[in-house]
């Protein structure tokens, strides 16, 4: 797809790297993340109009810390170094670096102490509240740089070489805690680099459909539908591109939410004239999961069984040459990014797997997008809110929300409890305010009293979180009256549950899912 301008972000392992990419895209400029180890020739081939160096957990004073070839600074391309990126720039260009006496983390106040294009039109006066997260600091800028920002603890909190268009910030402009961070990034993108805002979801849709036609030609394509937003958008885009040469397979593994299979099939058949195969495989999956409690083993069994079922159905379709997947950009980044805090923590994701088994070429129309961008594509395609804002659902389904062994009885309990959570969140409009809300069935029982009788029943945990792209998350501050109604309904309506608890942990250190 054609893009007028683009920004390359070289990743040194920061937890905020994806946030930088998102902020650049939100400004209307296409951005890509690549590991800092990417060869110079590959960077040249990408033809970026600007380069951003991310933060990272390492110390530039360490002999084994990640680095880049300083030749990048001679290309004449505008460069913005953030946190570790600033320290590395200073080190490579002849500045002086030293470990800070105390690691600085959290809010700080930067004072403008020099003129720079980065501060253009900022209306914060002489000071700005910013977000710091660093151990090292720059003591002396490299030759050609001037100090343009300082704090009480950092004499060089921002520096600039206006002639070479190299700019460095010790703070993180990409996080929401930094005042006017978007304006600072905007100054770099538009005032300094002179980029054009041409990236939007409408432009993406206009370009991806003809690109799909060109890639696929006259071939047949098979697509695995889960009912989630990603695979549904993939199917809709491919349907517009190649029509009846798309064959969708929906595998019902019995681990879906209550009535989900019927809702998904009904919607797709009503709104799209798809070739849709509905495979009833609930018994097969449950039989293979019998007696299995380890979460990684669950994932592997479900993944292998899905491949087996999907492969059988796909091979029955003549002339299939391509497999369509709902791979998103975070999946791509995770599979190739520089080793940092975002190291892989799950045993599988969309990148890889099926093609090796099935010998099909991949079609991944969403591999450039973040989750919220996929939702915008869905809106561009006219999909209803019930699909656009459907909460994310893990590939292994309810299997990883049932802690311990999976049985039909335990599945039925969780499905009923989870349906109540969804129902009450929707009734109070909180469903559309939070990132994700669901129930988890715990592998323990507690004493309770129902009526005049002592009970010894199961526990349901509520997990309701706020997030943007699931890389980080915090527990949602749902009103107590909403939580009380959810709890009361579950205990009164779901047989076998006598206690409901609330998970108030954040990610990190916890994960969103319990397994």
Protein backbone atom coordinates (compact mmCIF):
# COMPACT_ATOMS: atom_id res chain seq x y z
CA UNK A 1 0.00 0.00 0.00
CA UNK A 2 1.25 3.46 -0.85
CA UNK A 3 2.17 5.80 1.97
CA UNK A 4 3.39 9.35 1.50
CA UNK A 5 5.39 9.60 4.72
CA UNK A 6 6.49 7.19 7.43
CA UNK A 7 8.41 7.12 10.70
CA UNK A 8 10.63 4.27 11.87
CA UNK A 9 10.87 3.63 15.61
CA UNK A 10 13.96 1.67 16.65
CA UNK A 11 13.07 -0.33 19.75
CA UNK A 12 15.49 -0.74 22.66
CA UNK A 13 13.01 -2.73 24.76
CA UNK A 14 10.93 0.02 26.37
CA UNK A 15 7.50 -0.78 27.75
CA UNK A 16 6.36 2.44 26.02
CA UNK A 17 7.62 1.70 22.50
CA UNK A 18 4.21 0.70 21.15
CA UNK A 19 2.77 3.84 22.70
CA UNK A 20 5.18 5.95 20.66
CA UNK A 21 3.96 4.25 17.48
CA UNK A 22 0.35 4.81 18.46
CA UNK A 23 0.89 8.50 19.17
CA UNK A 24 2.56 8.99 15.79
CA UNK A 25 -0.30 7.22 14.02
CA UNK A 26 -2.87 9.21 15.97
CA UNK A 27 -1.19 12.30 14.55
CA UNK A 28 -1.92 10.91 11.07
CA UNK A 29 1.57 9.65 10.17
CA UNK A 30 2.27 5.98 9.51
CA UNK A 31 4.84 4.46 11.88
CA UNK A 32 6.58 1.10 12.18
CA UNK A 33 8.54 -0.43 15.06
CA UNK A 34 11.73 -2.34 14.33
CA UNK A 35 14.35 -3.83 16.65
CA UNK A 36 17.37 -1.63 17.27
CA UNK A 37 19.46 -4.44 15.78
CA UNK A 38 18.01 -3.83 12.29
CA UNK A 39 20.79 -3.50 9.71
CA UNK A 40 21.48 -0.10 8.17
CA UNK A 41 20.67 -1.37 4.68
CA UNK A 42 17.24 -2.55 5.86
CA UNK A 43 16.54 0.83 7.45
CA UNK A 44 17.49 2.55 4.18
CA UNK A 45 15.15 0.25 2.24
CA UNK A 46 12.28 1.31 4.50
CA UNK A 47 12.97 4.92 3.40
CA UNK A 48 11.78 6.64 6.59
CA UNK A 49 11.28 10.39 6.66
CA UNK A 50 12.10 10.46 10.39
CA UNK A 51 13.55 8.12 13.01
CA UNK A 52 12.66 7.82 16.70
CA UNK A 53 14.92 6.02 19.18
CA UNK A 54 12.87 4.49 21.99
CA UNK A 55 13.62 4.15 25.67
CA UNK A 56 14.81 0.90 27.19
CA UNK A 57 15.69 -0.84 30.46
CA UNK A 58 19.45 -1.13 29.85
CA UNK A 59 22.20 1.28 30.91
CA UNK A 60 24.32 2.85 28.18
CA UNK A 61 27.26 2.59 30.60
CA UNK A 62 27.06 -1.20 30.34
CA UNK A 63 29.49 -2.65 27.80
CA UNK A 64 26.81 -5.01 26.47
CA UNK A 65 24.02 -2.44 26.20
CA UNK A 66 22.17 -2.25 22.84
CA UNK A 67 23.38 0.31 20.33
CA UNK A 68 23.04 1.45 16.72
CA UNK A 69 25.46 2.46 13.99
CA UNK A 70 26.14 6.20 14.44
CA UNK A 71 26.07 6.56 10.65
CA UNK A 72 22.30 7.07 11.06
CA UNK A 73 23.03 10.55 12.40
CA UNK A 74 24.80 11.50 9.15
CA UNK A 75 21.85 10.76 6.86
CA UNK A 76 20.16 14.11 7.34
CA UNK A 77 16.96 12.43 8.53
CA UNK A 78 15.39 14.04 11.62
CA UNK A 79 16.03 11.92 14.73
CA UNK A 80 14.25 12.04 18.09
CA UNK A 81 15.85 10.18 21.00
CA UNK A 82 13.65 9.43 24.00
CA UNK A 83 15.08 8.41 27.41
CA UNK A 84 17.57 5.60 26.58
CA UNK A 85 17.51 6.94 23.02
CA UNK A 86 18.74 10.30 24.34
CA UNK A 87 21.50 8.75 26.44
CA UNK A 88 22.66 6.56 23.55
CA UNK A 89 22.71 9.55 21.18
CA UNK A 90 24.83 11.48 23.66
CA UNK A 91 27.22 8.54 24.07
CA UNK A 92 27.63 7.89 20.33
CA UNK A 93 28.15 11.56 19.44
CA UNK A 94 30.69 12.40 22.13
CA UNK A 95 28.68 13.48 25.16
CA UNK A 96 29.26 12.49 28.79
CA UNK A 97 26.93 10.01 30.53
CA UNK A 98 26.80 8.94 34.17
CA UNK A 99 24.50 6.84 36.35
CA UNK A 100 22.06 9.00 38.27
CA UNK A 101 22.45 9.02 42.06
CA UNK A 102 18.87 7.79 42.40
CA UNK A 103 16.69 6.32 39.70
CA UNK A 104 14.02 8.86 38.77
CA UNK A 105 10.56 7.49 38.13
CA UNK A 106 7.33 9.44 37.94
CA UNK A 107 6.27 13.05 37.58
CA UNK A 108 8.79 15.83 37.23
CA UNK A 109 8.78 19.44 36.09
CA UNK A 110 10.91 20.50 33.16
CA UNK A 111 12.01 24.08 32.69
CA UNK A 112 12.61 25.39 29.17
CA UNK A 113 16.10 26.87 29.10
CA UNK A 114 16.73 27.27 25.38
CA UNK A 115 14.97 27.84 22.08
CA UNK A 116 14.12 24.79 20.00
CA UNK A 117 11.62 23.87 17.34
CA UNK A 118 10.33 21.15 19.70
CA UNK A 119 8.80 23.79 21.98
CA UNK A 120 7.09 25.69 19.14
CA UNK A 121 3.69 27.12 20.12
CA UNK A 122 3.56 25.32 23.47
CA UNK A 123 1.33 27.33 25.79
CA UNK A 124 2.75 26.00 29.06
CA UNK A 125 4.90 29.05 29.70
CA UNK A 126 8.37 28.24 30.95
CA UNK A 127 7.64 24.91 32.67
CA UNK A 128 5.93 21.61 31.86
CA UNK A 129 4.91 18.57 33.91
CA UNK A 130 6.52 15.47 32.39
CA UNK A 131 6.96 11.75 33.09
CA UNK A 132 10.42 10.42 33.86
CA UNK A 133 11.72 6.84 34.00
CA UNK A 134 15.50 6.58 33.92
CA UNK A 135 18.65 5.60 35.78
CA UNK A 136 21.41 7.21 33.69
CA UNK A 137 21.58 10.87 32.75
CA UNK A 138 23.51 13.10 30.35
CA UNK A 139 26.10 15.25 32.13
CA UNK A 140 27.50 17.03 29.07
CA UNK A 141 25.80 17.18 25.64
CA UNK A 142 27.78 16.20 22.54
CA UNK A 143 29.41 18.92 20.38
CA UNK A 144 26.79 20.84 18.42
CA UNK A 145 24.01 20.27 20.97
CA UNK A 146 22.50 22.85 23.26
CA UNK A 147 20.59 22.22 26.48
CA UNK A 148 16.93 23.19 26.00
CA UNK A 149 15.36 21.69 29.11
CA UNK A 150 16.30 20.90 32.73
CA UNK A 151 14.71 19.71 35.97
CA UNK A 152 15.72 20.02 39.61
CA UNK A 153 17.58 16.70 39.41
CA UNK A 154 18.63 16.57 35.73
CA UNK A 155 20.65 19.43 34.23
CA UNK A 156 20.26 18.04 30.70
CA UNK A 157 16.60 16.94 30.45
CA UNK A 158 16.33 17.94 26.78
CA UNK A 159 18.96 18.78 24.17
CA UNK A 160 18.90 19.72 20.52
CA UNK A 161 21.18 20.05 17.50
CA UNK A 162 19.03 22.22 15.27
CA UNK A 163 21.47 22.09 12.34
CA UNK A 164 21.46 18.30 12.12
CA UNK A 165 17.80 18.09 13.25
CA UNK A 166 18.66 15.72 16.13
CA UNK A 167 16.54 16.14 19.26
CA UNK A 168 16.60 14.30 22.57
CA UNK A 169 14.25 14.13 25.55
CA UNK A 170 15.00 12.50 28.89
CA UNK A 171 11.26 12.36 29.61
CA UNK A 172 8.54 10.39 27.78
CA UNK A 173 6.33 12.63 25.58
CA UNK A 174 4.26 9.59 24.51
CA UNK A 175 2.66 8.92 27.92
CA UNK A 176 -0.47 10.74 28.98
CA UNK A 177 1.20 11.99 32.20
CA UNK A 178 3.40 14.36 30.13
CA UNK A 179 1.64 17.65 29.50
CA UNK A 180 1.43 18.56 25.82
CA UNK A 181 3.34 15.44 24.86
CA UNK A 182 1.27 15.16 21.69
CA UNK A 183 2.16 18.74 20.77
CA UNK A 184 5.88 18.02 21.26
CA UNK A 185 5.68 14.94 19.03
CA UNK A 186 3.61 16.94 16.56
CA UNK A 187 6.33 19.61 16.40
CA UNK A 188 8.89 16.92 15.61
CA UNK A 189 6.73 15.27 12.95
CA UNK A 190 5.33 18.31 11.16
CA UNK A 191 7.39 21.41 12.01
CA UNK A 192 10.81 19.74 12.08
CA UNK A 193 10.48 16.72 9.76
CA UNK A 194 7.87 18.37 7.51
CA UNK A 195 5.73 15.24 7.28
CA UNK A 196 2.19 15.08 5.88
CA UNK A 197 -0.66 13.56 7.86
CA UNK A 198 -1.99 11.01 5.38
CA UNK A 199 -2.58 7.90 7.49
CA UNK A 200 -6.21 7.16 8.43
CA UNK A 201 -8.51 4.16 8.53
CA UNK A 202 -10.49 5.35 5.53
CA UNK A 203 -7.27 5.59 3.51
CA UNK A 204 -6.31 2.15 4.81
CA UNK A 205 -9.57 0.57 3.61
CA UNK A 206 -9.30 2.31 0.22
CA UNK A 207 -5.82 0.92 -0.32
CA UNK A 208 -6.01 -2.53 1.32
CA UNK A 209 -8.87 -3.91 -0.80
CA UNK A 210 -7.12 -3.45 -4.19
CA UNK A 211 -3.89 -4.68 -2.56
CA UNK A 212 -5.69 -7.87 -1.50
CA UNK A 213 -7.01 -8.40 -5.04
CA UNK A 214 -3.50 -8.04 -6.41
CA UNK A 215 -1.97 -10.39 -3.84
CA UNK A 216 -4.59 -13.13 -4.22
CA UNK A 217 -5.26 -12.98 -7.95
CA UNK A 218 -7.74 -15.69 -8.98
CA UNK A 219 -6.99 -18.01 -6.05
CA UNK A 220 -9.29 -19.32 -3.33
CA UNK A 221 -8.81 -18.19 0.30
CA UNK A 222 -9.74 -19.92 3.55
CA UNK A 223 -10.31 -17.90 6.74
CA UNK A 224 -10.82 -19.07 10.32
CA UNK A 225 -13.65 -17.11 11.93
CA UNK A 226 -13.82 -16.81 15.70
CA UNK A 227 -16.51 -14.15 15.98
CA UNK A 228 -14.05 -11.63 17.38
CA UNK A 229 -13.50 -8.24 15.82
CA UNK A 230 -10.21 -9.18 14.13
CA UNK A 231 -11.33 -12.22 12.13
CA UNK A 232 -14.69 -10.61 11.34
CA UNK A 233 -13.01 -7.53 9.85
CA UNK A 234 -10.61 -9.77 7.89
CA UNK A 235 -13.58 -11.66 6.45
CA UNK A 236 -15.41 -8.43 5.56
CA UNK A 237 -12.38 -6.95 3.78
CA UNK A 238 -11.71 -10.14 1.86
CA UNK A 239 -15.38 -10.48 0.94
CA UNK A 240 -15.25 -7.02 -0.63
CA UNK A 241 -11.99 -7.88 -2.40
CA UNK A 242 -12.66 -11.38 -3.79
CA UNK A 243 -16.31 -12.23 -3.05
CA UNK A 244 -17.23 -15.91 -3.17
CA UNK A 245 -13.62 -17.05 -3.49
CA UNK A 246 -13.41 -16.55 0.27
CA UNK A 247 -14.32 -19.60 2.38
CA UNK A 248 -14.84 -19.01 6.12
CA UNK A 249 -14.63 -21.79 8.71
CA UNK A 250 -16.12 -21.31 12.17
CA UNK A 251 -14.95 -24.00 14.61
CA UNK A 252 -17.19 -24.26 17.67
CA UNK A 253 -14.89 -25.68 20.33
CA UNK A 254 -17.43 -25.51 23.14
CA UNK A 255 -15.26 -22.96 24.96
CA UNK A 256 -17.07 -19.87 23.70
CA UNK A 257 -19.21 -17.50 25.72
CA UNK A 258 -22.89 -18.27 26.27
CA UNK A 259 -24.82 -18.27 22.96
CA UNK A 260 -21.77 -16.86 21.18
CA UNK A 261 -21.74 -19.38 18.34
CA UNK A 262 -25.39 -18.71 17.48
CA UNK A 263 -24.86 -14.93 17.65
CA UNK A 264 -21.77 -14.99 15.44
CA UNK A 265 -23.21 -17.29 12.81
CA UNK A 266 -26.48 -15.36 12.78
CA UNK A 267 -24.76 -12.02 12.32
CA UNK A 268 -22.42 -13.17 9.58
CA UNK A 269 -25.15 -14.87 7.58
CA UNK A 270 -27.47 -11.89 7.94
CA UNK A 271 -24.97 -9.18 6.96
CA UNK A 272 -22.53 -10.96 4.63
CA UNK A 273 -23.16 -13.38 1.83
CA UNK A 274 -20.27 -15.60 2.92
CA UNK A 275 -19.30 -19.15 2.15
CA UNK A 276 -19.50 -20.18 5.81
CA UNK A 277 -18.81 -23.62 7.27
CA UNK A 278 -19.93 -24.15 10.88
CA UNK A 279 -18.04 -27.05 12.49
CA UNK A 280 -19.50 -28.52 15.69
CA UNK A 281 -16.46 -29.82 17.56
CA UNK A 282 -17.39 -29.29 21.21
CA UNK A 283 -17.16 -32.94 22.25
CA UNK A 284 -13.77 -33.44 20.59
CA UNK A 285 -12.20 -30.50 22.43
CA UNK A 286 -13.71 -31.37 25.82
CA UNK A 287 -12.64 -35.00 25.54
CA UNK A 288 -9.04 -34.00 24.84
CA UNK A 289 -9.03 -31.51 27.71
CA UNK A 290 -10.35 -34.03 30.21
CA UNK A 291 -8.16 -34.14 33.33
CA UNK A 292 -5.83 -31.34 32.13
CA UNK A 293 -5.15 -28.49 34.58
CA UNK A 294 -1.88 -26.95 33.40
CA UNK A 295 -2.64 -23.73 31.44
CA UNK A 296 0.13 -24.21 28.87
CA UNK A 297 -1.00 -27.77 28.22
CA UNK A 298 -4.56 -26.49 27.74
CA UNK A 299 -3.35 -23.96 25.17
CA UNK A 300 -1.36 -26.58 23.26
CA UNK A 301 -4.22 -29.09 23.18
CA UNK A 302 -6.69 -26.45 22.00
CA UNK A 303 -4.25 -25.10 19.40
CA UNK A 304 -3.36 -28.51 17.99
CA UNK A 305 -6.98 -29.66 17.93
CA UNK A 306 -8.07 -26.49 16.17
CA UNK A 307 -5.38 -26.98 13.52
CA UNK A 308 -6.50 -30.58 13.02
CA UNK A 309 -10.17 -29.66 12.61
CA UNK A 310 -9.48 -26.58 10.51
CA UNK A 311 -7.02 -28.45 8.29
CA UNK A 312 -9.54 -31.20 7.57
CA UNK A 313 -12.25 -28.72 6.57
CA UNK A 314 -9.88 -26.57 4.50
CA UNK A 315 -8.56 -29.53 2.52
CA UNK A 316 -12.12 -30.36 1.49
CA UNK A 317 -12.31 -27.02 -0.35
CA UNK A 318 -10.79 -27.30 -3.85
CA UNK A 319 -8.17 -24.85 -5.05
CA UNK A 320 -7.35 -23.09 -1.78
CA UNK A 321 -3.97 -21.35 -1.97
CA UNK A 322 -4.16 -18.74 0.81
CA UNK A 323 -4.91 -18.68 4.52
CA UNK A 324 -6.31 -15.44 5.96
CA UNK A 325 -5.42 -14.57 9.54
CA UNK A 326 -6.33 -11.72 11.88
CA UNK A 327 -2.71 -11.02 12.83
CA UNK A 328 -2.35 -7.56 14.38
CA UNK A 329 0.69 -5.33 14.63
CA UNK A 330 1.41 -6.12 18.32
CA UNK A 331 1.69 -9.82 17.29
CA UNK A 332 4.19 -8.89 14.59
CA UNK A 333 6.21 -6.69 16.94
CA UNK A 334 6.27 -9.34 19.66
CA UNK A 335 7.62 -11.92 17.24
CA UNK A 336 10.54 -9.75 16.06
CA UNK A 337 11.08 -6.98 18.62
CA UNK A 338 14.26 -6.37 20.58
CA UNK A 339 14.23 -8.32 23.84
CA UNK A 340 12.79 -6.10 26.55
CA UNK A 341 9.90 -6.00 29.02
CA UNK A 342 7.57 -7.02 26.20
CA UNK A 343 9.12 -10.49 25.95
CA UNK A 344 6.73 -13.25 24.93
CA UNK A 345 4.69 -14.44 27.92
CA UNK A 346 2.24 -16.75 26.14
CA UNK A 347 2.90 -19.94 24.27
CA UNK A 348 1.33 -18.82 21.00
CA UNK A 349 -0.23 -15.99 19.04
CA UNK A 350 -1.43 -15.47 15.48
CA UNK A 351 2.00 -15.23 13.86
CA UNK A 352 2.93 -18.64 12.51
CA UNK A 353 1.46 -22.10 13.12
CA UNK A 354 -1.11 -22.99 10.52
CA UNK A 355 0.86 -22.24 7.32
CA UNK A 356 3.64 -24.69 8.26
CA UNK A 357 1.03 -27.40 8.72
CA UNK A 358 -1.14 -26.54 5.72
CA UNK A 359 1.41 -25.25 3.21
CA UNK A 360 -0.67 -22.16 2.37
CA UNK A 361 0.47 -18.61 1.69
CA UNK A 362 -0.59 -16.07 4.29
CA UNK A 363 -3.01 -13.18 3.84
CA UNK A 364 -2.84 -10.82 6.82
CA UNK A 365 -4.61 -7.58 5.93
CA UNK A 366 -4.55 -6.27 9.53
CA UNK A 367 -0.90 -6.94 10.35
CA UNK A 368 -0.13 -3.19 10.22
CA UNK A 369 -2.89 -2.22 12.68
CA UNK A 370 -3.40 -1.92 16.42
CA UNK A 371 -6.64 -3.17 18.00
CA UNK A 372 -8.28 0.26 18.22
CA UNK A 373 -7.45 0.85 14.54
CA UNK A 374 -9.21 -2.42 13.66
CA UNK A 375 -12.31 -1.10 15.42
CA UNK A 376 -12.13 2.03 13.29
CA UNK A 377 -11.91 -0.13 10.17
CA UNK A 378 -14.99 -2.02 11.35
CA UNK A 379 -16.82 1.30 11.68
CA UNK A 380 -15.67 2.28 8.19
CA UNK A 381 -17.19 -1.00 6.95
CA UNK A 382 -20.50 -0.18 8.63
CA UNK A 383 -20.43 -2.91 11.28
CA UNK A 384 -22.81 -2.54 14.26
CA UNK A 385 -21.58 -1.55 17.73
CA UNK A 386 -22.25 -5.09 19.00
CA UNK A 387 -19.39 -6.27 16.76
CA UNK A 388 -17.18 -3.17 16.82
CA UNK A 389 -17.04 -2.95 20.61
CA UNK A 390 -17.18 -6.66 21.44
CA UNK A 391 -14.72 -7.29 24.25
CA UNK A 392 -11.50 -9.14 23.38
CA UNK A 393 -11.67 -12.90 23.88
CA UNK A 394 -8.63 -15.20 24.17
CA UNK A 395 -7.96 -17.83 21.52
CA UNK A 396 -8.26 -20.72 24.05
CA UNK A 397 -11.60 -19.25 25.13
CA UNK A 398 -13.05 -20.04 28.54
CA UNK A 399 -10.46 -22.78 29.02
CA UNK A 400 -8.04 -20.27 30.51
CA UNK A 401 -10.76 -18.62 32.60
CA UNK A 402 -11.49 -21.93 34.31
CA UNK A 403 -8.58 -22.40 36.68
CA UNK A 404 -7.90 -26.12 36.91
CA UNK A 405 -9.67 -28.96 35.14
CA UNK A 406 -12.30 -28.24 32.50
CA UNK A 407 -15.59 -30.12 32.64
CA UNK A 408 -18.94 -29.46 31.03
CA UNK A 409 -20.40 -28.68 34.44
CA UNK A 410 -17.72 -26.12 35.24
CA UNK A 411 -18.08 -24.62 31.76
CA UNK A 412 -21.82 -24.21 32.26
CA UNK A 413 -21.23 -22.43 35.59
CA UNK A 414 -18.73 -20.01 34.07
CA UNK A 415 -20.85 -19.32 30.99
CA UNK A 416 -23.83 -18.33 33.14
CA UNK A 417 -21.72 -16.13 35.44
CA UNK A 418 -19.92 -14.49 32.52
CA UNK A 419 -23.21 -13.76 30.76
CA UNK A 420 -24.41 -11.92 33.87
CA UNK A 421 -21.23 -9.82 33.95
CA UNK A 422 -21.74 -8.83 30.30
CA UNK A 423 -25.46 -8.19 30.79
CA UNK A 424 -24.97 -5.87 33.74
CA UNK A 425 -22.07 -3.99 32.18
CA UNK A 426 -24.20 -3.35 29.10
CA UNK A 427 -27.25 -2.37 31.15
CA UNK A 428 -25.22 0.31 32.95
CA UNK A 429 -23.26 1.33 29.80
CA UNK A 430 -20.00 0.31 31.46
CA UNK A 431 -19.45 -2.34 28.78
CA UNK A 432 -18.46 0.41 26.34
CA UNK A 433 -16.31 2.28 28.88
CA UNK A 434 -13.97 -0.56 29.88
CA UNK A 435 -11.52 -2.53 27.78
CA UNK A 436 -12.63 -5.93 28.99
CA UNK A 437 -14.85 -7.47 31.67
CA UNK A 438 -15.38 -11.15 32.43
CA UNK A 439 -15.72 -13.85 35.07
CA UNK A 440 -13.13 -16.42 36.17
CA UNK A 441 -14.00 -19.73 37.88
CA UNK A 442 -11.56 -20.55 40.67
CA UNK A 443 -10.49 -24.08 41.66
CA UNK A 444 -11.67 -23.79 45.26
CA UNK A 445 -14.82 -23.84 47.33
CA UNK A 446 -15.85 -21.77 50.31
CA UNK A 447 -18.45 -21.96 53.03
CA UNK A 448 -21.63 -19.96 52.63
CA UNK A 449 -25.16 -19.74 53.90
CA UNK A 450 -28.17 -19.76 51.58
CA UNK A 451 -31.48 -19.64 53.33
CA UNK A 452 -31.00 -21.66 56.48
CA UNK A 453 -28.56 -24.09 54.91
CA UNK A 454 -24.79 -24.23 54.96
CA UNK A 455 -23.25 -24.38 51.48
CA UNK A 456 -19.83 -25.31 50.19
CA UNK A 457 -19.65 -23.95 46.67
CA UNK A 458 -17.41 -22.38 44.03
CA UNK A 459 -15.91 -18.88 43.81
CA UNK A 460 -16.17 -16.51 40.85
CA UNK A 461 -13.61 -13.74 40.38
CA UNK A 462 -14.49 -10.61 38.40
CA UNK A 463 -11.80 -9.20 36.10
CA UNK A 464 -12.73 -5.79 34.65
CA UNK A 465 -9.92 -3.64 33.26
CA UNK A 466 -9.13 -0.39 31.48
CA UNK A 467 -6.56 -0.47 28.68
CA UNK A 468 -5.78 0.82 25.21
CA UNK A 469 -4.07 -2.13 23.55
CA UNK A 470 -3.71 -4.68 26.40
CA UNK A 471 0.03 -4.07 26.74
CA UNK A 472 -0.70 -2.42 30.08
CA UNK A 473 -3.97 -2.38 32.03
CA UNK A 474 -5.47 -1.28 35.31
CA UNK A 475 -8.57 -2.45 37.13
CA UNK A 476 -11.67 -0.44 36.28
CA UNK A 477 -13.24 1.68 39.02
CA UNK A 478 -16.72 0.29 38.54
CA UNK A 479 -19.36 1.81 40.88
CA UNK A 480 -19.99 -0.34 43.93
CA UNK A 481 -23.70 -0.58 43.16
CA UNK A 482 -22.92 -2.15 39.76
CA UNK A 483 -20.52 -4.63 41.33
CA UNK A 484 -23.08 -5.44 44.01
CA UNK A 485 -25.74 -6.22 41.42
CA UNK A 486 -23.36 -8.44 39.46
CA UNK A 487 -22.40 -10.32 42.62
CA UNK A 488 -26.00 -10.72 43.81
CA UNK A 489 -27.19 -12.00 40.47
CA UNK A 490 -24.35 -14.53 40.12
CA UNK A 491 -24.85 -15.92 43.62
CA UNK A 492 -28.64 -16.05 43.28
CA UNK A 493 -28.89 -17.25 39.67
CA UNK A 494 -25.86 -19.47 39.07
CA UNK A 495 -26.17 -22.80 40.81
CA UNK A 496 -22.92 -23.86 42.45
CA UNK A 497 -21.53 -20.38 43.29
CA UNK A 498 -21.75 -18.77 46.73
CA UNK A 499 -18.97 -16.16 46.61
CA UNK A 500 -17.80 -13.43 44.19
CA UNK A 501 -14.48 -11.60 44.51
CA UNK A 502 -12.95 -8.68 42.58
CA UNK A 503 -9.49 -8.70 41.02
CA UNK A 504 -7.86 -5.29 41.60
CA UNK A 505 -4.38 -6.02 40.22
CA UNK A 506 -2.79 -4.12 37.33
CA UNK A 507 -0.77 -5.26 34.31
CA UNK A 508 2.11 -5.33 34.97
CA UNK A 509 2.84 -7.11 37.24
CA UNK A 510 -0.27 -9.24 36.71
CA UNK A 511 -1.73 -10.21 33.34
CA UNK A 512 -5.28 -9.54 32.18
CA UNK A 513 -6.14 -13.22 31.86
CA UNK A 514 -5.56 -15.46 34.88
CA UNK A 515 -3.83 -18.15 32.83
